[in-house]
Amino acid sequence: VQLVESGGGLVQPGGSLRLSCAASGFTFSTSAMSWARQAPGKGLERVSVIYSNGTTYYADSVKGRFTISRDNLENTLYLQMNNLKPEDTAVYYCNAKWGRDYWGQGTQVTVSS
């Protein structure tokens, strides 16, 4: 199983970023996929989940600003992040639940003016 995140970077408050996670080595289309983040000095926070049937979940802290989606033909998971705030600064990780949890290496998102 391999999960490779991309799309992180530095953005001003109010800006947008789209994260991608390229997945391989398992049956992507039938797996629950999620994004989690870890801010400096804090624990891991589950940000959003998308199940194989398309059902989604969002943490209250990102509801209305972030959108999770998946492309089962390209085996890719996305996270569209709008109206970013400084408190969104964190390393963002892609997660696959396929028998057990698998994690990518993470991509840094920094929101700062």
PDB file of N, CA and C in Angstrom:
ATOM      1  N   VAL A   1       0.860  -1.193   0.000  1.00  0.00           N
ATOM      2  CA  VAL A   1       0.000   0.000   0.000  1.00  0.00           C
ATOM      3  C   VAL A   1       0.892   1.237   0.000  1.00  0.00           C
ATOM      4  N   GLN A   2       0.565   2.152  -0.898  1.00  0.00           N
ATOM      5  CA  GLN A   2       1.308   3.403  -0.960  1.00  0.00           C
ATOM      6  C   GLN A   2       0.340   4.557  -1.083  1.00  0.00           C
ATOM      7  N   LEU A   3       0.561   5.581  -0.265  1.00  0.00           N
ATOM      8  CA  LEU A   3      -0.241   6.792  -0.291  1.00  0.00           C
ATOM      9  C   LEU A   3       0.718   7.968  -0.402  1.00  0.00           C
ATOM     10  N   VAL A   4       0.547   8.783  -1.433  1.00  0.00           N
ATOM     11  CA  VAL A   4       1.467   9.895  -1.671  1.00  0.00           C
ATOM     12  C   VAL A   4       0.666  11.188  -1.764  1.00  0.00           C
ATOM     13  N   GLU A   5       0.853  12.053  -0.767  1.00  0.00           N
ATOM     14  CA  GLU A   5       0.151  13.338  -0.743  1.00  0.00           C
ATOM     15  C   GLU A   5       0.930  14.398  -1.510  1.00  0.00           C
ATOM     16  N   SER A   6       0.189  15.367  -2.030  1.00  0.00           N
ATOM     17  CA  SER A   6       0.788  16.524  -2.685  1.00  0.00           C
ATOM     18  C   SER A   6      -0.179  17.689  -2.601  1.00  0.00           C
ATOM     19  N   GLY A   7       0.325  18.887  -2.917  1.00  0.00           N
ATOM     20  CA  GLY A   7      -0.547  20.051  -2.981  1.00  0.00           C
ATOM     21  C   GLY A   7      -0.433  21.012  -1.820  1.00  0.00           C
ATOM     22  N   GLY A   8       0.348  20.664  -0.808  1.00  0.00           N
ATOM     23  CA  GLY A   8       0.514  21.569   0.317  1.00  0.00           C
ATOM     24  C   GLY A   8       1.346  22.775  -0.063  1.00  0.00           C
ATOM     25  N   GLY A   9       1.435  23.726   0.871  1.00  0.00           N
ATOM     26  CA  GLY A   9       2.231  24.916   0.612  1.00  0.00           C
ATOM     27  C   GLY A   9       1.875  26.040   1.561  1.00  0.00           C
ATOM     28  N   LEU A  10       2.359  27.220   1.218  1.00  0.00           N
ATOM     29  CA  LEU A  10       2.102  28.429   1.997  1.00  0.00           C
ATOM     30  C   LEU A  10       1.001  29.233   1.320  1.00  0.00           C
ATOM     31  N   VAL A  11       0.000  29.630   2.095  1.00  0.00           N
ATOM     32  CA  VAL A  11      -1.124  30.385   1.547  1.00  0.00           C
ATOM     33  C   VAL A  11      -1.543  31.439   2.568  1.00  0.00           C
ATOM     34  N   GLN A  12      -2.057  32.558   2.073  1.00  0.00           N
ATOM     35  CA  GLN A  12      -2.528  33.609   2.964  1.00  0.00           C
ATOM     36  C   GLN A  12      -3.896  33.252   3.539  1.00  0.00           C
ATOM     37  N   PRO A  13      -4.223  33.795   4.683  1.00  0.00           N
ATOM     38  CA  PRO A  13      -5.579  33.579   5.233  1.00  0.00           C
ATOM     39  C   PRO A  13      -6.633  33.963   4.212  1.00  0.00           C
ATOM     40  N   GLY A  14      -7.661  33.131   4.113  1.00  0.00           N
ATOM     41  CA  GLY A  14      -8.712  33.339   3.129  1.00  0.00           C
ATOM     42  C   GLY A  14      -8.444  32.662   1.800  1.00  0.00           C
ATOM     43  N   GLY A  15      -7.252  32.142   1.635  1.00  0.00           N
ATOM     44  CA  GLY A  15      -6.887  31.487   0.384  1.00  0.00           C
ATOM     45  C   GLY A  15      -7.365  30.045   0.310  1.00  0.00           C
ATOM     46  N   SER A  16      -6.995  29.385  -0.794  1.00  0.00           N
ATOM     47  CA  SER A  16      -7.427  28.009  -1.048  1.00  0.00           C
ATOM     48  C   SER A  16      -6.250  27.138  -1.460  1.00  0.00           C
ATOM     49  N   LEU A  17      -6.380  25.863  -1.160  1.00  0.00           N
ATOM     50  CA  LEU A  17      -5.444  24.849  -1.622  1.00  0.00           C
ATOM     51  C   LEU A  17      -6.227  23.581  -1.910  1.00  0.00           C
ATOM     52  N   ARG A  18      -5.701  22.760  -2.819  1.00  0.00           N
ATOM     53  CA  ARG A  18      -6.285  21.448  -3.050  1.00  0.00           C
ATOM     54  C   ARG A  18      -5.205  20.393  -2.836  1.00  0.00           C
ATOM     55  N   LEU A  19      -5.448  19.533  -1.881  1.00  0.00           N
ATOM     56  CA  LEU A  19      -4.537  18.426  -1.615  1.00  0.00           C
ATOM     57  C   LEU A  19      -4.959  17.206  -2.426  1.00  0.00           C
ATOM     58  N   SER A  20      -3.970  16.432  -2.852  1.00  0.00           N
ATOM     59  CA  SER A  20      -4.216  15.182  -3.564  1.00  0.00           C
ATOM     60  C   SER A  20      -3.482  14.047  -2.860  1.00  0.00           C
ATOM     61  N   CYS A  21      -4.042  12.863  -2.986  1.00  0.00           N
ATOM     62  CA  CYS A  21      -3.406  11.665  -2.430  1.00  0.00           C
ATOM     63  C   CYS A  21      -3.518  10.564  -3.483  1.00  0.00           C
ATOM     64  N   ALA A  22      -2.388  10.207  -4.058  1.00  0.00           N
ATOM     65  CA  ALA A  22      -2.344   9.132  -5.043  1.00  0.00           C
ATOM     66  C   ALA A  22      -2.177   7.809  -4.313  1.00  0.00           C
ATOM     67  N   ALA A  23      -3.107   6.894  -4.543  1.00  0.00           N
ATOM     68  CA  ALA A  23      -3.134   5.624  -3.814  1.00  0.00           C
ATOM     69  C   ALA A  23      -2.821   4.453  -4.744  1.00  0.00           C
ATOM     70  N   SER A  24      -2.159   3.440  -4.187  1.00  0.00           N
ATOM     71  CA  SER A  24      -1.860   2.229  -4.950  1.00  0.00           C
ATOM     72  C   SER A  24      -1.638   1.068  -3.996  1.00  0.00           C
ATOM     73  N   GLY A  25      -1.779  -0.130  -4.534  1.00  0.00           N
ATOM     74  CA  GLY A  25      -1.483  -1.326  -3.758  1.00  0.00           C
ATOM     75  C   GLY A  25      -2.653  -1.929  -3.013  1.00  0.00           C
ATOM     76  N   PHE A  26      -3.857  -1.375  -3.205  1.00  0.00           N
ATOM     77  CA  PHE A  26      -5.044  -1.923  -2.565  1.00  0.00           C
ATOM     78  C   PHE A  26      -6.255  -1.524  -3.401  1.00  0.00           C
ATOM     79  N   THR A  27      -7.417  -2.037  -3.010  1.00  0.00           N
ATOM     80  CA  THR A  27      -8.636  -1.747  -3.768  1.00  0.00           C
ATOM     81  C   THR A  27      -9.213  -0.418  -3.292  1.00  0.00           C
ATOM     82  N   PHE A  28      -8.801   0.634  -3.970  1.00  0.00           N
ATOM     83  CA  PHE A  28      -9.160   1.995  -3.565  1.00  0.00           C
ATOM     84  C   PHE A  28     -10.667   2.195  -3.536  1.00  0.00           C
ATOM     85  N   SER A  29     -11.358   1.713  -4.542  1.00  0.00           N
ATOM     86  CA  SER A  29     -12.779   2.037  -4.697  1.00  0.00           C
ATOM     87  C   SER A  29     -13.645   1.508  -3.559  1.00  0.00           C
ATOM     88  N   THR A  30     -13.208   0.476  -2.867  1.00  0.00           N
ATOM     89  CA  THR A  30     -14.008  -0.103  -1.791  1.00  0.00           C
ATOM     90  C   THR A  30     -13.502   0.280  -0.401  1.00  0.00           C
ATOM     91  N   SER A  31     -12.535   1.169  -0.356  1.00  0.00           N
ATOM     92  CA  SER A  31     -11.926   1.546   0.925  1.00  0.00           C
ATOM     93  C   SER A  31     -12.421   2.909   1.413  1.00  0.00           C
ATOM     94  N   ALA A  32     -12.629   2.999   2.717  1.00  0.00           N
ATOM     95  CA  ALA A  32     -12.884   4.299   3.324  1.00  0.00           C
ATOM     96  C   ALA A  32     -11.570   5.076   3.340  1.00  0.00           C
ATOM     97  N   MET A  33     -11.638   6.332   2.920  1.00  0.00           N
ATOM     98  CA  MET A  33     -10.456   7.184   2.839  1.00  0.00           C
ATOM     99  C   MET A  33     -10.688   8.438   3.679  1.00  0.00           C
ATOM    100  N   SER A  34      -9.627   8.955   4.225  1.00  0.00           N
ATOM    101  CA  SER A  34      -9.789  10.150   5.044  1.00  0.00           C
ATOM    102  C   SER A  34      -8.544  11.023   5.017  1.00  0.00           C
ATOM    103  N   TRP A  35      -8.728  12.234   5.510  1.00  0.00           N
ATOM    104  CA  TRP A  35      -7.645  13.183   5.726  1.00  0.00           C
ATOM    105  C   TRP A  35      -7.590  13.491   7.222  1.00  0.00           C
ATOM    106  N   ALA A  36      -6.394  13.545   7.730  1.00  0.00           N
ATOM    107  CA  ALA A  36      -6.171  13.938   9.116  1.00  0.00           C
ATOM    108  C   ALA A  36      -5.051  14.968   9.125  1.00  0.00           C
ATOM    109  N   ARG A  37      -4.943  15.711  10.211  1.00  0.00           N
ATOM    110  CA  ARG A  37      -3.883  16.714  10.294  1.00  0.00           C
ATOM    111  C   ARG A  37      -3.299  16.761  11.700  1.00  0.00           C
ATOM    112  N   GLN A  38      -2.068  17.232  11.754  1.00  0.00           N
ATOM    113  CA  GLN A  38      -1.411  17.401  13.035  1.00  0.00           C
ATOM    114  C   GLN A  38      -0.726  18.754  13.056  1.00  0.00           C
ATOM    115  N   ALA A  39      -1.228  19.627  13.925  1.00  0.00           N
ATOM    116  CA  ALA A  39      -0.633  20.943  14.091  1.00  0.00           C
ATOM    117  C   ALA A  39       0.539  20.846  15.068  1.00  0.00           C
ATOM    118  N   PRO A  40       1.447  21.802  15.022  1.00  0.00           N
ATOM    119  CA  PRO A  40       2.604  21.760  15.928  1.00  0.00           C
ATOM    120  C   PRO A  40       2.180  21.671  17.382  1.00  0.00           C
ATOM    121  N   GLY A  41       2.698  20.685  18.093  1.00  0.00           N
ATOM    122  CA  GLY A  41       2.423  20.531  19.516  1.00  0.00           C
ATOM    123  C   GLY A  41       1.048  19.964  19.844  1.00  0.00           C
ATOM    124  N   LYS A  42       0.315  19.524  18.818  1.00  0.00           N
ATOM    125  CA  LYS A  42      -1.039  18.992  19.051  1.00  0.00           C
ATOM    126  C   LYS A  42      -1.138  17.561  18.535  1.00  0.00           C
ATOM    127  N   GLY A  43      -2.235  16.909  18.903  1.00  0.00           N
ATOM    128  CA  GLY A  43      -2.476  15.549  18.475  1.00  0.00           C
ATOM    129  C   GLY A  43      -3.051  15.474  17.074  1.00  0.00           C
ATOM    130  N   LEU A  44      -3.213  14.265  16.586  1.00  0.00           N
ATOM    131  CA  LEU A  44      -3.761  14.045  15.253  1.00  0.00           C
ATOM    132  C   LEU A  44      -5.268  14.289  15.279  1.00  0.00           C
ATOM    133  N   GLU A  45      -5.762  15.063  14.307  1.00  0.00           N
ATOM    134  CA  GLU A  45      -7.179  15.373  14.203  1.00  0.00           C
ATOM    135  C   GLU A  45      -7.716  14.826  12.885  1.00  0.00           C
ATOM    136  N   ARG A  46      -8.767  14.019  12.961  1.00  0.00           N
ATOM    137  CA  ARG A  46      -9.412  13.555  11.731  1.00  0.00           C
ATOM    138  C   ARG A  46     -10.211  14.719  11.157  1.00  0.00           C
ATOM    139  N   VAL A  47      -9.916  15.105   9.938  1.00  0.00           N
ATOM    140  CA  VAL A  47     -10.538  16.271   9.309  1.00  0.00           C
ATOM    141  C   VAL A  47     -11.766  15.884   8.504  1.00  0.00           C
ATOM    142  N   SER A  48     -11.653  14.829   7.712  1.00  0.00           N
ATOM    143  CA  SER A  48     -12.746  14.459   6.826  1.00  0.00           C
ATOM    144  C   SER A  48     -12.597  13.011   6.406  1.00  0.00           C
ATOM    145  N   VAL A  49     -13.735  12.361   6.174  1.00  0.00           N
ATOM    146  CA  VAL A  49     -13.771  10.962   5.746  1.00  0.00           C
ATOM    147  C   VAL A  49     -14.731  10.838   4.569  1.00  0.00           C
ATOM    148  N   ILE A  50     -14.392   9.978   3.626  1.00  0.00           N
ATOM    149  CA  ILE A  50     -15.308   9.635   2.551  1.00  0.00           C
ATOM    150  C   ILE A  50     -15.341   8.122   2.435  1.00  0.00           C
ATOM    151  N   TYR A  51     -16.548   7.568   2.477  1.00  0.00           N
ATOM    152  CA  TYR A  51     -16.711   6.118   2.410  1.00  0.00           C
ATOM    153  C   TYR A  51     -16.878   5.690   0.957  1.00  0.00           C
ATOM    154  N   SER A  52     -16.857   4.380   0.746  1.00  0.00           N
ATOM    155  CA  SER A  52     -16.920   3.856  -0.613  1.00  0.00           C
ATOM    156  C   SER A  52     -18.235   4.214  -1.301  1.00  0.00           C
ATOM    157  N   ASN A  53     -19.290   4.445  -0.521  1.00  0.00           N
ATOM    158  CA  ASN A  53     -20.579   4.790  -1.120  1.00  0.00           C
ATOM    159  C   ASN A  53     -20.739   6.307  -1.319  1.00  0.00           C
ATOM    160  N   GLY A  54     -19.663   7.058  -1.003  1.00  0.00           N
ATOM    161  CA  GLY A  54     -19.701   8.498  -1.209  1.00  0.00           C
ATOM    162  C   GLY A  54     -20.127   9.311   0.002  1.00  0.00           C
ATOM    163  N   THR A  55     -20.553   8.660   1.041  1.00  0.00           N
ATOM    164  CA  THR A  55     -20.921   9.379   2.265  1.00  0.00           C
ATOM    165  C   THR A  55     -19.699  10.083   2.838  1.00  0.00           C
ATOM    166  N   THR A  56     -19.906  11.318   3.281  1.00  0.00           N
ATOM    167  CA  THR A  56     -18.782  12.107   3.805  1.00  0.00           C
ATOM    168  C   THR A  56     -19.027  12.549   5.246  1.00  0.00           C
ATOM    169  N   TYR A  57     -17.925  12.832   5.911  1.00  0.00           N
ATOM    170  CA  TYR A  57     -17.953  13.353   7.271  1.00  0.00           C
ATOM    171  C   TYR A  57     -16.918  14.459   7.353  1.00  0.00           C
ATOM    172  N   TYR A  58     -17.248  15.525   8.121  1.00  0.00           N
ATOM    173  CA  TYR A  58     -16.314  16.620   8.331  1.00  0.00           C
ATOM    174  C   TYR A  58     -16.249  16.976   9.809  1.00  0.00           C
ATOM    175  N   ALA A  59     -15.058  17.287  10.271  1.00  0.00           N
ATOM    176  CA  ALA A  59     -14.918  17.835  11.609  1.00  0.00           C
ATOM    177  C   ALA A  59     -15.580  19.209  11.648  1.00  0.00           C
ATOM    178  N   ASP A  60     -16.115  19.580  12.794  1.00  0.00           N
ATOM    179  CA  ASP A  60     -16.783  20.874  12.922  1.00  0.00           C
ATOM    180  C   ASP A  60     -15.859  22.026  12.542  1.00  0.00           C
ATOM    181  N   SER A  61     -14.576  21.861  12.799  1.00  0.00           N
ATOM    182  CA  SER A  61     -13.622  22.939  12.564  1.00  0.00           C
ATOM    183  C   SER A  61     -13.437  23.268  11.081  1.00  0.00           C
ATOM    184  N   VAL A  62     -13.836  22.355  10.189  1.00  0.00           N
ATOM    185  CA  VAL A  62     -13.634  22.591   8.755  1.00  0.00           C
ATOM    186  C   VAL A  62     -14.939  22.545   7.966  1.00  0.00           C
ATOM    187  N   LYS A  63     -16.030  22.238   8.624  1.00  0.00           N
ATOM    188  CA  LYS A  63     -17.315  22.090   7.942  1.00  0.00           C
ATOM    189  C   LYS A  63     -17.677  23.390   7.224  1.00  0.00           C
ATOM    190  N   GLY A  64     -18.074  23.267   5.958  1.00  0.00           N
ATOM    191  CA  GLY A  64     -18.447  24.442   5.174  1.00  0.00           C
ATOM    192  C   GLY A  64     -17.277  25.085   4.444  1.00  0.00           C
ATOM    193  N   ARG A  65     -16.060  24.669   4.763  1.00  0.00           N
ATOM    194  CA  ARG A  65     -14.869  25.240   4.114  1.00  0.00           C
ATOM    195  C   ARG A  65     -14.090  24.198   3.319  1.00  0.00           C
ATOM    196  N   PHE A  66     -14.084  22.956   3.781  1.00  0.00           N
ATOM    197  CA  PHE A  66     -13.339  21.875   3.129  1.00  0.00           C
ATOM    198  C   PHE A  66     -14.309  20.925   2.430  1.00  0.00           C
ATOM    199  N   THR A  67     -13.849  20.352   1.321  1.00  0.00           N
ATOM    200  CA  THR A  67     -14.636  19.354   0.591  1.00  0.00           C
ATOM    201  C   THR A  67     -13.745  18.174   0.236  1.00  0.00           C
ATOM    202  N   ILE A  68     -14.156  17.000   0.660  1.00  0.00           N
ATOM    203  CA  ILE A  68     -13.417  15.786   0.335  1.00  0.00           C
ATOM    204  C   ILE A  68     -14.077  15.127  -0.877  1.00  0.00           C
ATOM    205  N   SER A  69     -13.260  14.547  -1.744  1.00  0.00           N
ATOM    206  CA  SER A  69     -13.788  13.841  -2.903  1.00  0.00           C
ATOM    207  C   SER A  69     -12.806  12.744  -3.302  1.00  0.00           C
ATOM    208  N   ARG A  70     -13.278  11.861  -4.178  1.00  0.00           N
ATOM    209  CA  ARG A  70     -12.439  10.760  -4.621  1.00  0.00           C
ATOM    210  C   ARG A  70     -12.676  10.473  -6.084  1.00  0.00           C
ATOM    211  N   ASP A  71     -11.642  10.036  -6.774  1.00  0.00           N
ATOM    212  CA  ASP A  71     -11.741   9.608  -8.163  1.00  0.00           C
ATOM    213  C   ASP A  71     -11.341   8.138  -8.187  1.00  0.00           C
ATOM    214  N   ASN A  72     -12.322   7.267  -8.268  1.00  0.00           N
ATOM    215  CA  ASN A  72     -12.039   5.833  -8.201  1.00  0.00           C
ATOM    216  C   ASN A  72     -11.388   5.300  -9.478  1.00  0.00           C
ATOM    217  N   LEU A  73     -11.473   6.044 -10.566  1.00  0.00           N
ATOM    218  CA  LEU A  73     -10.789   5.617 -11.795  1.00  0.00           C
ATOM    219  C   LEU A  73      -9.300   5.946 -11.718  1.00  0.00           C
ATOM    220  N   GLU A  74      -8.977   7.071 -11.073  1.00  0.00           N
ATOM    221  CA  GLU A  74      -7.585   7.499 -10.943  1.00  0.00           C
ATOM    222  C   GLU A  74      -6.968   7.101  -9.607  1.00  0.00           C
ATOM    223  N   ASN A  75      -7.759   6.446  -8.743  1.00  0.00           N
ATOM    224  CA  ASN A  75      -7.272   6.055  -7.404  1.00  0.00           C
ATOM    225  C   ASN A  75      -6.667   7.242  -6.665  1.00  0.00           C
ATOM    226  N   THR A  76      -7.408   8.323  -6.666  1.00  0.00           N
ATOM    227  CA  THR A  76      -6.909   9.552  -6.052  1.00  0.00           C
ATOM    228  C   THR A  76      -7.952  10.138  -5.116  1.00  0.00           C
ATOM    229  N   LEU A  77      -7.476  10.593  -3.981  1.00  0.00           N
ATOM    230  CA  LEU A  77      -8.304  11.274  -2.980  1.00  0.00           C
ATOM    231  C   LEU A  77      -7.947  12.747  -2.995  1.00  0.00           C
ATOM    232  N   TYR A  78      -8.946  13.596  -2.816  1.00  0.00           N
ATOM    233  CA  TYR A  78      -8.730  15.046  -2.830  1.00  0.00           C
ATOM    234  C   TYR A  78      -9.283  15.694  -1.562  1.00  0.00           C
ATOM    235  N   LEU A  79      -8.718  16.849  -1.245  1.00  0.00           N
ATOM    236  CA  LEU A  79      -9.282  17.704  -0.208  1.00  0.00           C
ATOM    237  C   LEU A  79      -9.188  19.139  -0.698  1.00  0.00           C
ATOM    238  N   GLN A  80     -10.328  19.712  -1.051  1.00  0.00           N
ATOM    239  CA  GLN A  80     -10.384  21.118  -1.443  1.00  0.00           C
ATOM    240  C   GLN A  80     -10.569  21.953  -0.183  1.00  0.00           C
ATOM    241  N   MET A  81      -9.650  22.855   0.045  1.00  0.00           N
ATOM    242  CA  MET A  81      -9.674  23.668   1.270  1.00  0.00           C
ATOM    243  C   MET A  81      -9.838  25.138   0.884  1.00  0.00           C
ATOM    244  N   ASN A  82     -10.949  25.728   1.290  1.00  0.00           N
ATOM    245  CA  ASN A  82     -11.240  27.131   0.994  1.00  0.00           C
ATOM    246  C   ASN A  82     -11.287  27.943   2.290  1.00  0.00           C
ATOM    247  N   ASN A  83     -11.173  29.252   2.144  1.00  0.00           N
ATOM    248  CA  ASN A  83     -11.229  30.155   3.294  1.00  0.00           C
ATOM    249  C   ASN A  83     -10.312  29.677   4.420  1.00  0.00           C
ATOM    250  N   LEU A  84      -9.091  29.408   4.062  1.00  0.00           N
ATOM    251  CA  LEU A  84      -8.137  28.864   5.036  1.00  0.00           C
ATOM    252  C   LEU A  84      -7.829  29.870   6.134  1.00  0.00           C
ATOM    253  N   LYS A  85      -7.624  29.329   7.332  1.00  0.00           N
ATOM    254  CA  LYS A  85      -7.338  30.129   8.510  1.00  0.00           C
ATOM    255  C   LYS A  85      -5.972  29.741   9.086  1.00  0.00           C
ATOM    256  N   PRO A  86      -5.347  30.623   9.838  1.00  0.00           N
ATOM    257  CA  PRO A  86      -4.042  30.264  10.436  1.00  0.00           C
ATOM    258  C   PRO A  86      -4.112  28.977  11.259  1.00  0.00           C
ATOM    259  N   GLU A  87      -5.249  28.716  11.882  1.00  0.00           N
ATOM    260  CA  GLU A  87      -5.385  27.497  12.694  1.00  0.00           C
ATOM    261  C   GLU A  87      -5.476  26.228  11.864  1.00  0.00           C
ATOM    262  N   ASP A  88      -5.543  26.366  10.541  1.00  0.00           N
ATOM    263  CA  ASP A  88      -5.500  25.199   9.656  1.00  0.00           C
ATOM    264  C   ASP A  88      -4.062  24.759   9.378  1.00  0.00           C
ATOM    265  N   THR A  89      -3.094  25.528   9.845  1.00  0.00           N
ATOM    266  CA  THR A  89      -1.698  25.175   9.643  1.00  0.00           C
ATOM    267  C   THR A  89      -1.392  23.848  10.320  1.00  0.00           C
ATOM    268  N   ALA A  90      -0.874  22.904   9.530  1.00  0.00           N
ATOM    269  CA  ALA A  90      -0.615  21.555  10.035  1.00  0.00           C
ATOM    270  C   ALA A  90       0.021  20.727   8.929  1.00  0.00           C
ATOM    271  N   VAL A  91       0.481  19.554   9.313  1.00  0.00           N
ATOM    272  CA  VAL A  91       0.835  18.534   8.325  1.00  0.00           C
ATOM    273  C   VAL A  91      -0.427  17.709   8.085  1.00  0.00           C
ATOM    274  N   TYR A  92      -0.785  17.580   6.827  1.00  0.00           N
ATOM    275  CA  TYR A  92      -1.996  16.859   6.445  1.00  0.00           C
ATOM    276  C   TYR A  92      -1.616  15.474   5.919  1.00  0.00           C
ATOM    277  N   TYR A  93      -2.315  14.458   6.448  1.00  0.00           N
ATOM    278  CA  TYR A  93      -2.029  13.069   6.108  1.00  0.00           C
ATOM    279  C   TYR A  93      -3.234  12.414   5.438  1.00  0.00           C
ATOM    280  N   CYS A  94      -2.940  11.611   4.446  1.00  0.00           N
ATOM    281  CA  CYS A  94      -3.940  10.787   3.789  1.00  0.00           C
ATOM    282  C   CYS A  94      -3.994   9.439   4.507  1.00  0.00           C
ATOM    283  N   ASN A  95      -5.193   8.916   4.694  1.00  0.00           N
ATOM    284  CA  ASN A  95      -5.380   7.636   5.387  1.00  0.00           C
ATOM    285  C   ASN A  95      -6.280   6.724   4.578  1.00  0.00           C
ATOM    286  N   ALA A  96      -5.912   5.445   4.538  1.00  0.00           N
ATOM    287  CA  ALA A  96      -6.747   4.419   3.931  1.00  0.00           C
ATOM    288  C   ALA A  96      -7.049   3.371   4.993  1.00  0.00           C
ATOM    289  N   LYS A  97      -8.315   2.993   5.064  1.00  0.00           N
ATOM    290  CA  LYS A  97      -8.710   1.933   5.986  1.00  0.00           C
ATOM    291  C   LYS A  97      -8.994   0.689   5.141  1.00  0.00           C
ATOM    292  N   TRP A  98      -8.051  -0.223   5.109  1.00  0.00           N
ATOM    293  CA  TRP A  98      -8.185  -1.443   4.299  1.00  0.00           C
ATOM    294  C   TRP A  98      -7.606  -2.578   5.111  1.00  0.00           C
ATOM    295  N   GLY A  99      -8.448  -3.172   5.943  1.00  0.00           N
ATOM    296  CA  GLY A  99      -7.956  -4.154   6.901  1.00  0.00           C
ATOM    297  C   GLY A  99      -7.395  -3.460   8.132  1.00  0.00           C
ATOM    298  N   ARG A 100      -6.494  -2.569   7.903  1.00  0.00           N
ATOM    299  CA  ARG A 100      -5.946  -1.733   8.968  1.00  0.00           C
ATOM    300  C   ARG A 100      -5.715  -0.342   8.401  1.00  0.00           C
ATOM    301  N   ASP A 101      -5.216   0.549   9.233  1.00  0.00           N
ATOM    302  CA  ASP A 101      -4.961   1.919   8.784  1.00  0.00           C
ATOM    303  C   ASP A 101      -3.606   2.006   8.079  1.00  0.00           C
ATOM    304  N   TYR A 102      -3.611   2.697   6.946  1.00  0.00           N
ATOM    305  CA  TYR A 102      -2.375   3.034   6.241  1.00  0.00           C
ATOM    306  C   TYR A 102      -2.300   4.549   6.130  1.00  0.00           C
ATOM    307  N   TRP A 103      -1.070   5.093   6.213  1.00  0.00           N
ATOM    308  CA  TRP A 103      -0.872   6.533   6.212  1.00  0.00           C
ATOM    309  C   TRP A 103       0.168   6.949   5.180  1.00  0.00           C
ATOM    310  N   GLY A 104      -0.032   8.119   4.599  1.00  0.00           N
ATOM    311  CA  GLY A 104       0.977   8.703   3.738  1.00  0.00           C
ATOM    312  C   GLY A 104       2.026   9.420   4.564  1.00  0.00           C
ATOM    313  N   GLN A 105       2.951  10.071   3.862  1.00  0.00           N
ATOM    314  CA  GLN A 105       4.057  10.732   4.543  1.00  0.00           C
ATOM    315  C   GLN A 105       3.713  12.143   5.002  1.00  0.00           C
ATOM    316  N   GLY A 106       2.599  12.676   4.494  1.00  0.00           N
ATOM    317  CA  GLY A 106       2.135  13.993   4.906  1.00  0.00           C
ATOM    318  C   GLY A 106       2.595  15.110   3.992  1.00  0.00           C
ATOM    319  N   THR A 107       1.816  16.182   3.969  1.00  0.00           N
ATOM    320  CA  THR A 107       2.165  17.387   3.221  1.00  0.00           C
ATOM    321  C   THR A 107       1.886  18.599   4.112  1.00  0.00           C
ATOM    322  N   GLN A 108       2.813  19.533   4.137  1.00  0.00           N
ATOM    323  CA  GLN A 108       2.704  20.687   5.033  1.00  0.00           C
ATOM    324  C   GLN A 108       1.804  21.747   4.432  1.00  0.00           C
ATOM    325  N   VAL A 109       0.868  22.238   5.228  1.00  0.00           N
ATOM    326  CA  VAL A 109       0.032  23.378   4.867  1.00  0.00           C
ATOM    327  C   VAL A 109       0.289  24.483   5.891  1.00  0.00           C
ATOM    328  N   THR A 110       0.690  25.638   5.407  1.00  0.00           N
ATOM    329  CA  THR A 110       0.949  26.777   6.282  1.00  0.00           C
ATOM    330  C   THR A 110       0.088  27.944   5.834  1.00  0.00           C
ATOM    331  N   VAL A 111      -0.721  28.453   6.760  1.00  0.00           N
ATOM    332  CA  VAL A 111      -1.600  29.579   6.467  1.00  0.00           C
ATOM    333  C   VAL A 111      -1.082  30.778   7.268  1.00  0.00           C
ATOM    334  N   SER A 112      -0.558  31.742   6.553  1.00  0.00           N
ATOM    335  CA  SER A 112       0.068  32.880   7.219  1.00  0.00           C
ATOM    336  C   SER A 112       0.148  34.057   6.268  1.00  0.00           C
ATOM    337  N   SER A 113       0.029  35.250   6.829  1.00  0.00           N
ATOM    338  CA  SER A 113       0.200  36.456   6.029  1.00  0.00           C
ATOM    339  C   SER A 113       1.652  36.944   6.095  1.00  0.00           C
TER     340      SER A 113
END
